[in-house]
Amino acid sequence: MTDLAEATGLSKMTISRVFSGSGSVKSSTRERVIQAAARLGYEYNALAGNFASGRSQQIGIAVDFSSHMGCPFYADIFRGAHPVLEQADYHTVLYDTGSKALQGKQLGKLIQQRRIDGLLHFFPQTAPSSWALLESEARPSMVVIGHHCDDDHTSWVDLDLEHSIRQVVNHLHLLGHQRIGFISGPSKQASEHVKSQSFAHIRQQLNLPWNNAWEQPGEHGYNQGREAAHRILSRSHAPTAIITSRELSALGACDAARSYGLTPGKEISIASIEGQSIAAGAEPSITSMSQPLELMGRQAAQLLLQQLNKSPDYQDGTHAILRGQLTARASTGPPILHH
C-alpha cells in the first residue's frame, strides 16, 4: 500500500477507503487509485484490511439446514436480503442452527470472536432468549426473521400469521365448509405453534365442529403432507377442506385426496397458508396466501445494517409485521352436499 500511496500522492487512509468501500471518495480519486494499482500489479489484502477496521465484512445467515435448505420459501427471503448486504460490501456465511455446536449463545460468540459482524436468524426453533445472557456491551448485532421476540433488545421481522390463517379459514367458511382440517409444520419451530394456536382460536370463534384427529403434522414436505392428509381423510366423517402450513404439503394433500377418489377443488378443498410460485403452477393451482417474503428479507437486512452502522434512526427492539394477500385458485370450492 506504501508504493501505491507514493505513486498516487494520496494517503494510505484514502487508498484503504477506495478498496474497502468505506467512507466517501471522489470518483476521480477512485479511478486514479485503481489505474495505479493495475499498473503496479497491486492486489488488495482484504483480510488485512478487515483486521485493521475491526470488521470481518461477513454476515451470518443462521438457518436449520434439515428443515429449510433448498426450500423456495427461504430462498425468497434470502433473495430479498442478499442484494442489500452485497451493496453494503458484506458477504454472507451460512450457519446450521440444527447443529448442536451452534445453539443459543454460541451464535452470539461468532460475533464476539469477530468471525462475523452481524447475524440474520431465520425462523428460530425457540425464542432466542439465550442471547440476552450476553453482557450488554457484547450483545450481537442481530435481526430475527420469522419470530416475535419478547425482549426489548432484539429486532425482528415477521409475518402476521394469525391474519393469514383467518383469511384462509374465512375463505373456506364463506364457501360453506364447516369441517376444516389442518396440516402443520415442524413442531420444533416457534412459528408453527403460532399457526396451530391461531387456527384453534379462529375455528372456535366460528363455532366450527372439531375432531383432534383433523390436525396432523406435515413437516412442510410433499411426502409428509400426503401422509398427514391420509391420516385425516381415513377417518369417517372426514373434513371437506384442509389447510396446510406450506405449499409443498398442499401438493401432497392433493395427491392423498385423489387416492380417496376426491378431486381437489370439487369433492374436497385444499389451501395453503404460505404459497408462492409452486402453488400458482400446480394442478390444480393451490389457493394460498402470497407472502411478502422478499420484502421480509430486505427489511431485516436494512435493520441489521442500521445496527452495524449505529444509525441514529435505529432503536433496539425495532420490529415489523408484514401481511400477505389471499389468492383464491382452483383447489378450493363449495363443499358437495350428499343427500
C-alpha atoms as a PDB file:
ATOM      1  CA  MET A   1       0.000   0.000   0.000  1.00  0.00           C
ATOM      2  CA  THR A   2       3.009   2.312   0.613  1.00  0.00           C
ATOM      3  CA  ASP A   3       4.096   2.072  -3.041  1.00  0.00           C
ATOM      4  CA  LEU A   4       0.569   2.807  -4.177  1.00  0.00           C
ATOM      5  CA  ALA A   5       0.319   5.843  -1.911  1.00  0.00           C
ATOM      6  CA  GLU A   6       3.636   7.203  -3.257  1.00  0.00           C
ATOM      7  CA  ALA A   7       2.594   6.592  -6.874  1.00  0.00           C
ATOM      8  CA  THR A   8      -0.681   8.458  -6.472  1.00  0.00           C
ATOM      9  CA  GLY A   9       0.382  11.097  -3.953  1.00  0.00           C
ATOM     10  CA  LEU A  10      -2.513  10.047  -1.699  1.00  0.00           C
ATOM     11  CA  SER A  11      -2.596   8.936   1.904  1.00  0.00           C
ATOM     12  CA  LYS A  12      -2.755   5.298   2.917  1.00  0.00           C
ATOM     13  CA  MET A  13      -6.125   6.014   4.526  1.00  0.00           C
ATOM     14  CA  THR A  14      -7.541   7.189   1.200  1.00  0.00           C
ATOM     15  CA  ILE A  15      -6.132   4.136  -0.557  1.00  0.00           C
ATOM     16  CA  SER A  16      -7.729   1.910   2.065  1.00  0.00           C
ATOM     17  CA  ARG A  17     -11.106   3.639   1.654  1.00  0.00           C
ATOM     18  CA  VAL A  18     -11.042   3.003  -2.092  1.00  0.00           C
ATOM     19  CA  PHE A  19     -10.510  -0.737  -1.720  1.00  0.00           C
ATOM     20  CA  SER A  20     -12.653  -1.310   1.378  1.00  0.00           C
ATOM     21  CA  GLY A  21     -15.552   0.721   0.051  1.00  0.00           C
ATOM     22  CA  SER A  22     -15.820   2.594   3.366  1.00  0.00           C
ATOM     23  CA  GLY A  23     -16.020   6.359   3.598  1.00  0.00           C
ATOM     24  CA  SER A  24     -16.518   8.956   0.883  1.00  0.00           C
ATOM     25  CA  VAL A  25     -14.048   9.073  -2.019  1.00  0.00           C
ATOM     26  CA  LYS A  26     -14.372  11.115  -5.212  1.00  0.00           C
ATOM     27  CA  SER A  27     -14.927   9.048  -8.349  1.00  0.00           C
ATOM     28  CA  SER A  28     -11.885  10.676  -9.985  1.00  0.00           C
ATOM     29  CA  THR A  29      -9.729   9.737  -6.991  1.00  0.00           C
ATOM     30  CA  ARG A  30     -11.067   6.197  -7.016  1.00  0.00           C
ATOM     31  CA  GLU A  31     -10.265   5.805 -10.718  1.00  0.00           C
ATOM     32  CA  ARG A  32      -6.772   7.233 -10.147  1.00  0.00           C
ATOM     33  CA  VAL A  33      -6.075   4.639  -7.454  1.00  0.00           C
ATOM     34  CA  ILE A  34      -7.459   1.736  -9.494  1.00  0.00           C
ATOM     35  CA  GLN A  35      -5.353   2.678 -12.532  1.00  0.00           C
ATOM     36  CA  ALA A  36      -2.216   2.969 -10.412  1.00  0.00           C
ATOM     37  CA  ALA A  37      -2.961  -0.380  -8.750  1.00  0.00           C
ATOM     38  CA  ALA A  38      -3.316  -2.064 -12.140  1.00  0.00           C
ATOM     39  CA  ARG A  39      -0.052  -0.508 -13.338  1.00  0.00           C
ATOM     40  CA  LEU A  40       1.821  -1.670 -10.234  1.00  0.00           C
ATOM     41  CA  GLY A  41       0.143  -5.089 -10.085  1.00  0.00           C
ATOM     42  CA  TYR A  42      -1.210  -4.306  -6.630  1.00  0.00           C
ATOM     43  CA  GLU A  43      -3.757  -6.660  -5.055  1.00  0.00           C
ATOM     44  CA  TYR A  44      -5.721  -5.521  -2.013  1.00  0.00           C
ATOM     45  CA  ASN A  45      -5.393  -7.789   1.037  1.00  0.00           C
ATOM     46  CA  ALA A  46      -8.989  -7.885   2.269  1.00  0.00           C
ATOM     47  CA  LEU A  47      -8.064  -9.904   5.358  1.00  0.00           C
ATOM     48  CA  ALA A  48      -5.543  -7.312   6.470  1.00  0.00           C
ATOM     49  CA  GLY A  49      -7.972  -4.509   5.701  1.00  0.00           C
ATOM     50  CA  ASN A  50     -10.715  -6.148   7.710  1.00  0.00           C
ATOM     51  CA  PHE A  51      -8.346  -6.761  10.607  1.00  0.00           C
ATOM     52  CA  ALA A  52      -7.404  -3.088  10.648  1.00  0.00           C
ATOM     53  CA  SER A  53     -11.058  -1.999  10.593  1.00  0.00           C
ATOM     54  CA  GLY A  54     -12.090  -4.491  13.278  1.00  0.00           C
ATOM     55  CA  ARG A  55     -14.729  -5.976  10.955  1.00  0.00           C
ATOM     56  CA  SER A  56     -14.943  -9.225   9.020  1.00  0.00           C
ATOM     57  CA  GLN A  57     -17.371  -7.852   6.376  1.00  0.00           C
ATOM     58  CA  GLN A  58     -19.316 -11.089   6.822  1.00  0.00           C
ATOM     59  CA  ILE A  59     -22.931 -11.560   7.889  1.00  0.00           C
ATOM     60  CA  GLY A  60     -24.062 -14.881   9.332  1.00  0.00           C
ATOM     61  CA  ILE A  61     -27.241 -16.466   7.995  1.00  0.00           C
ATOM     62  CA  ALA A  62     -28.470 -18.806  10.727  1.00  0.00           C
ATOM     63  CA  VAL A  63     -30.911 -21.400   9.436  1.00  0.00           C
ATOM     64  CA  ASP A  64     -31.851 -25.014  10.204  1.00  0.00           C
ATOM     65  CA  PHE A  65     -30.396 -26.909   7.247  1.00  0.00           C
ATOM     66  CA  SER A  66     -32.504 -30.035   7.771  1.00  0.00           C
ATOM     67  CA  SER A  67     -35.782 -28.118   7.567  1.00  0.00           C
ATOM     68  CA  HIS A  68     -35.095 -25.184   5.298  1.00  0.00           C
ATOM     69  CA  MET A  69     -32.160 -25.588   2.913  1.00  0.00           C
ATOM     70  CA  GLY A  70     -33.374 -25.738  -0.689  1.00  0.00           C
ATOM     71  CA  CYS A  71     -36.874 -24.597   0.283  1.00  0.00           C
ATOM     72  CA  PRO A  72     -38.254 -21.902  -2.084  1.00  0.00           C
ATOM     73  CA  PHE A  73     -39.837 -20.144   0.900  1.00  0.00           C
ATOM     74  CA  TYR A  74     -36.476 -19.375   2.481  1.00  0.00           C
ATOM     75  CA  ALA A  75     -34.813 -18.743  -0.880  1.00  0.00           C
ATOM     76  CA  ASP A  76     -37.274 -15.883  -1.462  1.00  0.00           C
ATOM     77  CA  ILE A  77     -36.415 -14.313   1.907  1.00  0.00           C
ATOM     78  CA  PHE A  78     -32.687 -14.607   1.183  1.00  0.00           C
ATOM     79  CA  ARG A  79     -33.267 -13.130  -2.281  1.00  0.00           C
ATOM     80  CA  GLY A  80     -34.586 -10.016  -0.586  1.00  0.00           C
ATOM     81  CA  ALA A  81     -31.770  -9.745   1.981  1.00  0.00           C
ATOM     82  CA  HIS A  82     -28.737 -10.591  -0.131  1.00  0.00           C
ATOM     83  CA  PRO A  83     -28.651  -7.563  -2.511  1.00  0.00           C
ATOM     84  CA  VAL A  84     -28.967  -5.164   0.448  1.00  0.00           C
ATOM     85  CA  LEU A  85     -25.989  -6.764   2.197  1.00  0.00           C
ATOM     86  CA  GLU A  86     -23.986  -7.118  -1.018  1.00  0.00           C
ATOM     87  CA  GLN A  87     -24.438  -3.431  -1.854  1.00  0.00           C
ATOM     88  CA  ALA A  88     -23.042  -2.608   1.578  1.00  0.00           C
ATOM     89  CA  ASP A  89     -19.986  -4.778   0.747  1.00  0.00           C
ATOM     90  CA  TYR A  90     -20.914  -7.646   3.076  1.00  0.00           C
ATOM     91  CA  HIS A  91     -20.561 -11.333   2.290  1.00  0.00           C
ATOM     92  CA  THR A  92     -22.902 -13.965   3.720  1.00  0.00           C
ATOM     93  CA  VAL A  93     -21.920 -17.127   5.586  1.00  0.00           C
ATOM     94  CA  LEU A  94     -24.379 -19.938   6.355  1.00  0.00           C
ATOM     95  CA  TYR A  95     -24.630 -21.474   9.823  1.00  0.00           C
ATOM     96  CA  ASP A  96     -26.679 -24.592  10.591  1.00  0.00           C
ATOM     97  CA  THR A  97     -28.795 -24.000  13.704  1.00  0.00           C
ATOM     98  CA  GLY A  98     -29.720 -27.682  13.580  1.00  0.00           C
ATOM     99  CA  SER A  99     -26.157 -28.427  14.683  1.00  0.00           C
ATOM    100  CA  LYS A 100     -25.647 -28.952  18.417  1.00  0.00           C
ATOM    101  CA  ALA A 101     -22.459 -26.902  18.132  1.00  0.00           C
ATOM    102  CA  LEU A 102     -24.468 -23.790  17.270  1.00  0.00           C
ATOM    103  CA  GLN A 103     -27.089 -23.481  19.957  1.00  0.00           C
ATOM    104  CA  GLY A 104     -28.089 -20.277  21.732  1.00  0.00           C
ATOM    105  CA  LYS A 105     -25.108 -18.275  22.962  1.00  0.00           C
ATOM    106  CA  GLN A 106     -22.732 -19.981  20.530  1.00  0.00           C
ATOM    107  CA  LEU A 107     -24.145 -17.917  17.669  1.00  0.00           C
ATOM    108  CA  GLY A 108     -23.534 -14.752  19.649  1.00  0.00           C
ATOM    109  CA  LYS A 109     -19.934 -15.820  20.243  1.00  0.00           C
ATOM    110  CA  LEU A 110     -19.322 -15.843  16.498  1.00  0.00           C
ATOM    111  CA  ILE A 111     -19.647 -12.068  16.672  1.00  0.00           C
ATOM    112  CA  GLN A 112     -17.579 -11.752  19.854  1.00  0.00           C
ATOM    113  CA  GLN A 113     -14.808 -13.681  18.100  1.00  0.00           C
ATOM    114  CA  ARG A 114     -15.179 -11.381  15.049  1.00  0.00           C
ATOM    115  CA  ARG A 115     -15.909 -14.227  12.687  1.00  0.00           C
ATOM    116  CA  ILE A 116     -18.999 -12.309  11.590  1.00  0.00           C
ATOM    117  CA  ASP A 117     -20.166  -8.728  12.100  1.00  0.00           C
ATOM    118  CA  GLY A 118     -23.879  -9.464  12.404  1.00  0.00           C
ATOM    119  CA  LEU A 119     -26.480 -12.187  12.207  1.00  0.00           C
ATOM    120  CA  LEU A 120     -29.769 -12.800  10.425  1.00  0.00           C
ATOM    121  CA  HIS A 121     -31.529 -15.641  12.220  1.00  0.00           C
ATOM    122  CA  PHE A 122     -34.172 -17.390  10.095  1.00  0.00           C
ATOM    123  CA  PHE A 123     -37.185 -18.841  11.952  1.00  0.00           C
ATOM    124  CA  PRO A 124     -35.605 -19.896  15.267  1.00  0.00           C
ATOM    125  CA  GLN A 125     -36.802 -23.121  16.857  1.00  0.00           C
ATOM    126  CA  THR A 126     -37.493 -21.352  20.158  1.00  0.00           C
ATOM    127  CA  ALA A 127     -37.368 -17.789  21.442  1.00  0.00           C
ATOM    128  CA  PRO A 128     -33.703 -16.684  21.288  1.00  0.00           C
ATOM    129  CA  SER A 129     -33.678 -15.653  24.950  1.00  0.00           C
ATOM    130  CA  SER A 130     -30.226 -17.119  25.471  1.00  0.00           C
ATOM    131  CA  TRP A 131     -28.696 -14.208  23.543  1.00  0.00           C
ATOM    132  CA  ALA A 132     -29.904 -11.891  26.280  1.00  0.00           C
ATOM    133  CA  LEU A 133     -27.439 -13.650  28.597  1.00  0.00           C
ATOM    134  CA  LEU A 134     -24.600 -11.919  26.799  1.00  0.00           C
ATOM    135  CA  GLU A 135     -23.306  -8.786  28.529  1.00  0.00           C
ATOM    136  CA  SER A 136     -24.922  -5.677  27.121  1.00  0.00           C
ATOM    137  CA  GLU A 137     -21.660  -4.386  25.632  1.00  0.00           C
ATOM    138  CA  ALA A 138     -21.148  -7.717  23.829  1.00  0.00           C
ATOM    139  CA  ARG A 139     -24.711  -8.189  22.636  1.00  0.00           C
ATOM    140  CA  PRO A 140     -24.599  -9.287  18.983  1.00  0.00           C
ATOM    141  CA  SER A 141     -25.911  -7.205  16.104  1.00  0.00           C
ATOM    142  CA  MET A 142     -28.781  -9.448  15.092  1.00  0.00           C
ATOM    143  CA  VAL A 143     -32.204  -9.457  13.451  1.00  0.00           C
ATOM    144  CA  VAL A 144     -34.575 -12.397  13.834  1.00  0.00           C
ATOM    145  CA  ILE A 145     -36.743 -13.342  10.853  1.00  0.00           C
ATOM    146  CA  GLY A 146     -39.996 -15.183  11.412  1.00  0.00           C
ATOM    147  CA  HIS A 147     -40.460 -14.851  15.151  1.00  0.00           C
ATOM    148  CA  HIS A 148     -41.918 -12.298  17.578  1.00  0.00           C
ATOM    149  CA  CYS A 149     -39.195 -11.586  20.165  1.00  0.00           C
ATOM    150  CA  ASP A 150     -40.425 -10.581  23.608  1.00  0.00           C
ATOM    151  CA  ASP A 151     -37.277  -8.864  24.873  1.00  0.00           C
ATOM    152  CA  ASP A 152     -36.639  -5.139  24.398  1.00  0.00           C
ATOM    153  CA  HIS A 153     -33.298  -5.540  22.636  1.00  0.00           C
ATOM    154  CA  THR A 154     -33.741  -7.963  19.741  1.00  0.00           C
ATOM    155  CA  SER A 155     -35.053  -6.584  16.462  1.00  0.00           C
ATOM    156  CA  TRP A 156     -37.255  -8.796  14.324  1.00  0.00           C
ATOM    157  CA  VAL A 157     -39.347  -9.035  11.163  1.00  0.00           C
ATOM    158  CA  ASP A 158     -42.248 -11.475  10.974  1.00  0.00           C
ATOM    159  CA  LEU A 159     -45.362 -12.397   9.043  1.00  0.00           C
ATOM    160  CA  ASP A 160     -48.812 -11.788  10.503  1.00  0.00           C
ATOM    161  CA  LEU A 161     -49.650 -15.479  10.675  1.00  0.00           C
ATOM    162  CA  GLU A 162     -52.921 -15.024  12.535  1.00  0.00           C
ATOM    163  CA  HIS A 163     -54.129 -12.698   9.763  1.00  0.00           C
ATOM    164  CA  SER A 164     -53.102 -15.271   7.132  1.00  0.00           C
ATOM    165  CA  ILE A 165     -54.908 -18.128   8.837  1.00  0.00           C
ATOM    166  CA  ARG A 166     -58.001 -16.010   9.388  1.00  0.00           C
ATOM    167  CA  GLN A 167     -58.084 -15.121   5.693  1.00  0.00           C
ATOM    168  CA  VAL A 168     -57.867 -18.773   4.615  1.00  0.00           C
ATOM    169  CA  VAL A 169     -60.377 -20.065   7.188  1.00  0.00           C
ATOM    170  CA  ASN A 170     -62.855 -17.290   6.358  1.00  0.00           C
ATOM    171  CA  HIS A 171     -62.492 -18.057   2.643  1.00  0.00           C
ATOM    172  CA  LEU A 172     -63.373 -21.719   3.205  1.00  0.00           C
ATOM    173  CA  HIS A 173     -66.134 -20.865   5.675  1.00  0.00           C
ATOM    174  CA  LEU A 174     -67.764 -18.466   3.221  1.00  0.00           C
ATOM    175  CA  LEU A 175     -67.689 -21.226   0.602  1.00  0.00           C
ATOM    176  CA  GLY A 176     -69.775 -23.301   3.027  1.00  0.00           C
ATOM    177  CA  HIS A 177     -67.168 -25.532   4.697  1.00  0.00           C
ATOM    178  CA  GLN A 178     -67.686 -26.460   8.343  1.00  0.00           C
ATOM    179  CA  ARG A 179     -65.311 -29.392   8.823  1.00  0.00           C
ATOM    180  CA  ILE A 180     -61.827 -27.994   8.195  1.00  0.00           C
ATOM    181  CA  GLY A 181     -58.626 -29.945   8.873  1.00  0.00           C
ATOM    182  CA  PHE A 182     -55.131 -28.575   9.405  1.00  0.00           C
ATOM    183  CA  ILE A 183     -51.668 -29.889   8.456  1.00  0.00           C
ATOM    184  CA  SER A 184     -48.993 -28.092  10.474  1.00  0.00           C
ATOM    185  CA  GLY A 185     -45.232 -27.843  10.037  1.00  0.00           C
ATOM    186  CA  PRO A 186     -42.310 -28.919  12.270  1.00  0.00           C
ATOM    187  CA  SER A 187     -43.325 -28.758  15.928  1.00  0.00           C
ATOM    188  CA  LYS A 188     -39.857 -27.503  16.924  1.00  0.00           C
ATOM    189  CA  GLN A 189     -40.453 -24.220  15.082  1.00  0.00           C
ATOM    190  CA  ALA A 190     -41.918 -21.425  17.171  1.00  0.00           C
ATOM    191  CA  SER A 191     -43.871 -20.090  14.170  1.00  0.00           C
ATOM    192  CA  GLU A 192     -45.717 -23.390  13.811  1.00  0.00           C
ATOM    193  CA  HIS A 193     -47.027 -23.124  17.364  1.00  0.00           C
ATOM    194  CA  VAL A 194     -48.407 -19.689  16.453  1.00  0.00           C
ATOM    195  CA  LYS A 195     -50.158 -21.144  13.409  1.00  0.00           C
ATOM    196  CA  SER A 196     -51.695 -24.021  15.347  1.00  0.00           C
ATOM    197  CA  GLN A 197     -52.888 -21.775  18.163  1.00  0.00           C
ATOM    198  CA  SER A 198     -54.299 -19.206  15.749  1.00  0.00           C
ATOM    199  CA  PHE A 199     -56.164 -21.874  13.798  1.00  0.00           C
ATOM    200  CA  ALA A 200     -57.704 -23.244  17.005  1.00  0.00           C
ATOM    201  CA  HIS A 201     -58.724 -19.769  18.142  1.00  0.00           C
ATOM    202  CA  ILE A 202     -60.354 -18.829  14.826  1.00  0.00           C
ATOM    203  CA  ARG A 203     -62.305 -22.082  14.382  1.00  0.00           C
ATOM    204  CA  GLN A 204     -63.590 -21.732  17.948  1.00  0.00           C
ATOM    205  CA  GLN A 205     -64.738 -18.184  17.184  1.00  0.00           C
ATOM    206  CA  LEU A 206     -66.656 -19.508  14.170  1.00  0.00           C
ATOM    207  CA  ASN A 207     -68.034 -22.382  16.273  1.00  0.00           C
ATOM    208  CA  LEU A 208     -66.818 -24.967  13.752  1.00  0.00           C
ATOM    209  CA  PRO A 209     -67.081 -28.686  14.580  1.00  0.00           C
ATOM    210  CA  TRP A 210     -63.797 -30.284  15.580  1.00  0.00           C
ATOM    211  CA  ASN A 211     -62.031 -33.607  15.984  1.00  0.00           C
ATOM    212  CA  ASN A 212     -58.439 -33.656  17.255  1.00  0.00           C
ATOM    213  CA  ALA A 213     -57.553 -36.172  14.539  1.00  0.00           C
ATOM    214  CA  TRP A 214     -58.206 -33.440  11.953  1.00  0.00           C
ATOM    215  CA  GLU A 215     -54.899 -31.723  12.802  1.00  0.00           C
ATOM    216  CA  GLN A 216     -51.741 -33.582  11.783  1.00  0.00           C
ATOM    217  CA  PRO A 217     -48.027 -32.659  11.477  1.00  0.00           C
ATOM    218  CA  GLY A 218     -46.726 -32.371   7.930  1.00  0.00           C
ATOM    219  CA  GLU A 219     -43.124 -31.135   8.312  1.00  0.00           C
ATOM    220  CA  HIS A 220     -43.553 -28.822   5.258  1.00  0.00           C
ATOM    221  CA  GLY A 221     -42.725 -31.577   2.766  1.00  0.00           C
ATOM    222  CA  TYR A 222     -44.655 -33.213  -0.087  1.00  0.00           C
ATOM    223  CA  ASN A 223     -44.462 -36.747   1.282  1.00  0.00           C
ATOM    224  CA  GLN A 224     -45.221 -35.646   4.836  1.00  0.00           C
ATOM    225  CA  GLY A 225     -48.178 -33.616   3.608  1.00  0.00           C
ATOM    226  CA  ARG A 226     -49.526 -36.632   1.736  1.00  0.00           C
ATOM    227  CA  GLU A 227     -49.155 -38.898   4.772  1.00  0.00           C
ATOM    228  CA  ALA A 228     -50.771 -36.315   7.059  1.00  0.00           C
ATOM    229  CA  ALA A 229     -53.711 -35.947   4.674  1.00  0.00           C
ATOM    230  CA  HIS A 230     -54.113 -39.752   4.615  1.00  0.00           C
ATOM    231  CA  ARG A 231     -54.383 -39.761   8.406  1.00  0.00           C
ATOM    232  CA  ILE A 232     -57.066 -37.067   8.226  1.00  0.00           C
ATOM    233  CA  LEU A 233     -59.065 -38.433   5.300  1.00  0.00           C
ATOM    234  CA  SER A 234     -59.054 -42.036   6.521  1.00  0.00           C
ATOM    235  CA  ARG A 235     -61.464 -41.032   9.294  1.00  0.00           C
ATOM    236  CA  SER A 236     -65.158 -41.486   8.920  1.00  0.00           C
ATOM    237  CA  HIS A 237     -66.845 -38.111   8.703  1.00  0.00           C
ATOM    238  CA  ALA A 238     -63.610 -36.525   7.438  1.00  0.00           C
ATOM    239  CA  PRO A 239     -63.199 -32.783   6.786  1.00  0.00           C
ATOM    240  CA  THR A 240     -64.416 -31.292   3.500  1.00  0.00           C
ATOM    241  CA  ALA A 241     -61.459 -28.891   3.477  1.00  0.00           C
ATOM    242  CA  ILE A 242     -57.807 -29.000   4.581  1.00  0.00           C
ATOM    243  CA  ILE A 243     -55.435 -26.108   5.285  1.00  0.00           C
ATOM    244  CA  THR A 244     -51.687 -26.744   5.120  1.00  0.00           C
ATOM    245  CA  SER A 245     -48.811 -24.759   6.568  1.00  0.00           C
ATOM    246  CA  ARG A 246     -46.838 -24.705   3.295  1.00  0.00           C
ATOM    247  CA  GLU A 247     -47.493 -25.250  -0.394  1.00  0.00           C
ATOM    248  CA  LEU A 248     -45.486 -28.492  -0.721  1.00  0.00           C
ATOM    249  CA  SER A 249     -47.669 -30.040   1.973  1.00  0.00           C
ATOM    250  CA  ALA A 250     -50.722 -28.884  -0.001  1.00  0.00           C
ATOM    251  CA  LEU A 251     -49.458 -30.697  -3.105  1.00  0.00           C
ATOM    252  CA  GLY A 252     -49.010 -33.870  -1.060  1.00  0.00           C
ATOM    253  CA  ALA A 253     -52.506 -33.458   0.403  1.00  0.00           C
ATOM    254  CA  CYS A 254     -53.937 -33.168  -3.123  1.00  0.00           C
ATOM    255  CA  ASP A 255     -52.244 -36.438  -4.057  1.00  0.00           C
ATOM    256  CA  ALA A 256     -53.690 -38.163  -0.981  1.00  0.00           C
ATOM    257  CA  ALA A 257     -57.175 -36.812  -1.738  1.00  0.00           C
ATOM    258  CA  ARG A 258     -57.103 -38.295  -5.244  1.00  0.00           C
ATOM    259  CA  SER A 259     -56.354 -41.734  -3.780  1.00  0.00           C
ATOM    260  CA  TYR A 260     -59.714 -41.466  -1.998  1.00  0.00           C
ATOM    261  CA  GLY A 261     -61.475 -40.521  -5.216  1.00  0.00           C
ATOM    262  CA  LEU A 262     -61.678 -36.872  -4.170  1.00  0.00           C
ATOM    263  CA  THR A 263     -60.884 -34.176  -6.724  1.00  0.00           C
ATOM    264  CA  PRO A 264     -59.241 -31.106  -5.154  1.00  0.00           C
ATOM    265  CA  GLY A 265     -61.445 -28.091  -5.745  1.00  0.00           C
ATOM    266  CA  LYS A 266     -64.545 -30.247  -6.111  1.00  0.00           C
ATOM    267  CA  GLU A 267     -65.106 -33.034  -3.573  1.00  0.00           C
ATOM    268  CA  ILE A 268     -62.503 -31.508  -1.260  1.00  0.00           C
ATOM    269  CA  SER A 269     -60.888 -28.085  -0.878  1.00  0.00           C
ATOM    270  CA  ILE A 270     -57.198 -27.658  -0.096  1.00  0.00           C
ATOM    271  CA  ALA A 271     -55.481 -24.344   0.699  1.00  0.00           C
ATOM    272  CA  SER A 272     -52.081 -23.228   1.995  1.00  0.00           C
ATOM    273  CA  ILE A 273     -51.135 -20.514   4.477  1.00  0.00           C
ATOM    274  CA  GLU A 274     -47.921 -19.831   2.604  1.00  0.00           C
ATOM    275  CA  GLY A 275     -47.593 -20.327  -1.123  1.00  0.00           C
ATOM    276  CA  GLN A 276     -45.634 -18.704  -3.928  1.00  0.00           C
ATOM    277  CA  SER A 277     -44.805 -19.859  -7.491  1.00  0.00           C
ATOM    278  CA  ILE A 278     -45.290 -23.586  -6.800  1.00  0.00           C
ATOM    279  CA  ALA A 279     -48.870 -23.013  -5.647  1.00  0.00           C
ATOM    280  CA  ALA A 280     -49.691 -20.982  -8.755  1.00  0.00           C
ATOM    281  CA  GLY A 281     -48.206 -23.558 -11.133  1.00  0.00           C
ATOM    282  CA  ALA A 282     -49.655 -26.703  -9.570  1.00  0.00           C
ATOM    283  CA  GLU A 283     -52.514 -28.775 -10.998  1.00  0.00           C
ATOM    284  CA  PRO A 284     -54.909 -27.720  -9.707  1.00  0.00           C
ATOM    285  CA  SER A 285     -53.457 -24.364  -8.708  1.00  0.00           C
ATOM    286  CA  ILE A 286     -53.472 -24.008  -4.913  1.00  0.00           C
ATOM    287  CA  THR A 287     -55.431 -21.337  -3.059  1.00  0.00           C
ATOM    288  CA  SER A 288     -52.833 -19.700  -0.831  1.00  0.00           C
ATOM    289  CA  MET A 289     -51.597 -16.611   0.963  1.00  0.00           C
ATOM    290  CA  SER A 290     -48.951 -14.845  -1.135  1.00  0.00           C
ATOM    291  CA  GLN A 291     -46.486 -13.670   1.487  1.00  0.00           C
ATOM    292  CA  PRO A 292     -44.118 -10.664   1.056  1.00  0.00           C
ATOM    293  CA  LEU A 293     -41.026 -12.803   1.575  1.00  0.00           C
ATOM    294  CA  GLU A 294     -38.514 -10.732  -0.394  1.00  0.00           C
ATOM    295  CA  LEU A 295     -39.703  -7.611   1.426  1.00  0.00           C
ATOM    296  CA  MET A 296     -39.273  -9.512   4.690  1.00  0.00           C
ATOM    297  CA  GLY A 297     -35.640 -10.297   3.869  1.00  0.00           C
ATOM    298  CA  ARG A 298     -34.953  -6.788   2.603  1.00  0.00           C
ATOM    299  CA  GLN A 299     -36.305  -5.099   5.736  1.00  0.00           C
ATOM    300  CA  ALA A 300     -34.391  -7.480   8.005  1.00  0.00           C
ATOM    301  CA  ALA A 301     -31.115  -6.735   6.187  1.00  0.00           C
ATOM    302  CA  GLN A 302     -31.764  -2.985   6.364  1.00  0.00           C
ATOM    303  CA  LEU A 303     -32.393  -3.197  10.117  1.00  0.00           C
ATOM    304  CA  LEU A 304     -29.152  -5.127  10.584  1.00  0.00           C
ATOM    305  CA  LEU A 305     -27.154  -2.539   8.637  1.00  0.00           C
ATOM    306  CA  GLN A 306     -28.675   0.214  10.763  1.00  0.00           C
ATOM    307  CA  GLN A 307     -27.431  -1.611  13.861  1.00  0.00           C
ATOM    308  CA  LEU A 308     -23.948  -2.116  12.446  1.00  0.00           C
ATOM    309  CA  ASN A 309     -23.658   1.494  11.284  1.00  0.00           C
ATOM    310  CA  LYS A 310     -25.094   2.814  14.559  1.00  0.00           C
ATOM    311  CA  SER A 311     -27.714   4.761  12.665  1.00  0.00           C
ATOM    312  CA  PRO A 312     -29.382   7.496  14.760  1.00  0.00           C
ATOM    313  CA  ASP A 313     -32.735   6.299  13.383  1.00  0.00           C
ATOM    314  CA  TYR A 314     -32.268   2.799  14.804  1.00  0.00           C
ATOM    315  CA  GLN A 315     -33.644   1.659  18.157  1.00  0.00           C
ATOM    316  CA  ASP A 316     -33.174  -1.718  19.876  1.00  0.00           C
ATOM    317  CA  GLY A 317     -36.254  -3.882  19.644  1.00  0.00           C
ATOM    318  CA  THR A 318     -37.399  -2.410  16.318  1.00  0.00           C
ATOM    319  CA  HIS A 319     -39.789  -4.767  14.555  1.00  0.00           C
ATOM    320  CA  ALA A 320     -42.025  -5.084  11.511  1.00  0.00           C
ATOM    321  CA  ILE A 321     -45.066  -7.295  10.947  1.00  0.00           C
ATOM    322  CA  LEU A 322     -45.944  -7.968   7.305  1.00  0.00           C
ATOM    323  CA  ARG A 323     -49.252  -9.186   5.901  1.00  0.00           C
ATOM    324  CA  GLY A 324     -49.817 -11.469   2.948  1.00  0.00           C
ATOM    325  CA  GLN A 325     -52.674 -11.498   0.454  1.00  0.00           C
ATOM    326  CA  LEU A 326     -55.099 -14.330  -0.253  1.00  0.00           C
ATOM    327  CA  THR A 327     -55.217 -15.624  -3.811  1.00  0.00           C
ATOM    328  CA  ALA A 328     -58.187 -17.945  -4.416  1.00  0.00           C
ATOM    329  CA  ARG A 329     -57.418 -20.601  -7.009  1.00  0.00           C
ATOM    330  CA  ALA A 330     -58.841 -23.836  -8.404  1.00  0.00           C
ATOM    331  CA  SER A 331     -58.060 -26.031  -5.350  1.00  0.00           C
ATOM    332  CA  THR A 332     -60.957 -24.598  -3.322  1.00  0.00           C
ATOM    333  CA  GLY A 333     -64.683 -24.524  -3.991  1.00  0.00           C
ATOM    334  CA  PRO A 334     -68.043 -25.072  -2.265  1.00  0.00           C
ATOM    335  CA  PRO A 335     -68.483 -28.434  -0.493  1.00  0.00           C
ATOM    336  CA  ILE A 336     -70.543 -31.027  -2.317  1.00  0.00           C
ATOM    337  CA  LEU A 337     -73.604 -31.825  -0.244  1.00  0.00           C
ATOM    338  CA  HIS A 338     -74.511 -35.516  -0.151  1.00  0.00           C
ATOM    339  CA  HIS A 339     -78.218 -36.304   0.206  1.00  0.00           C
END
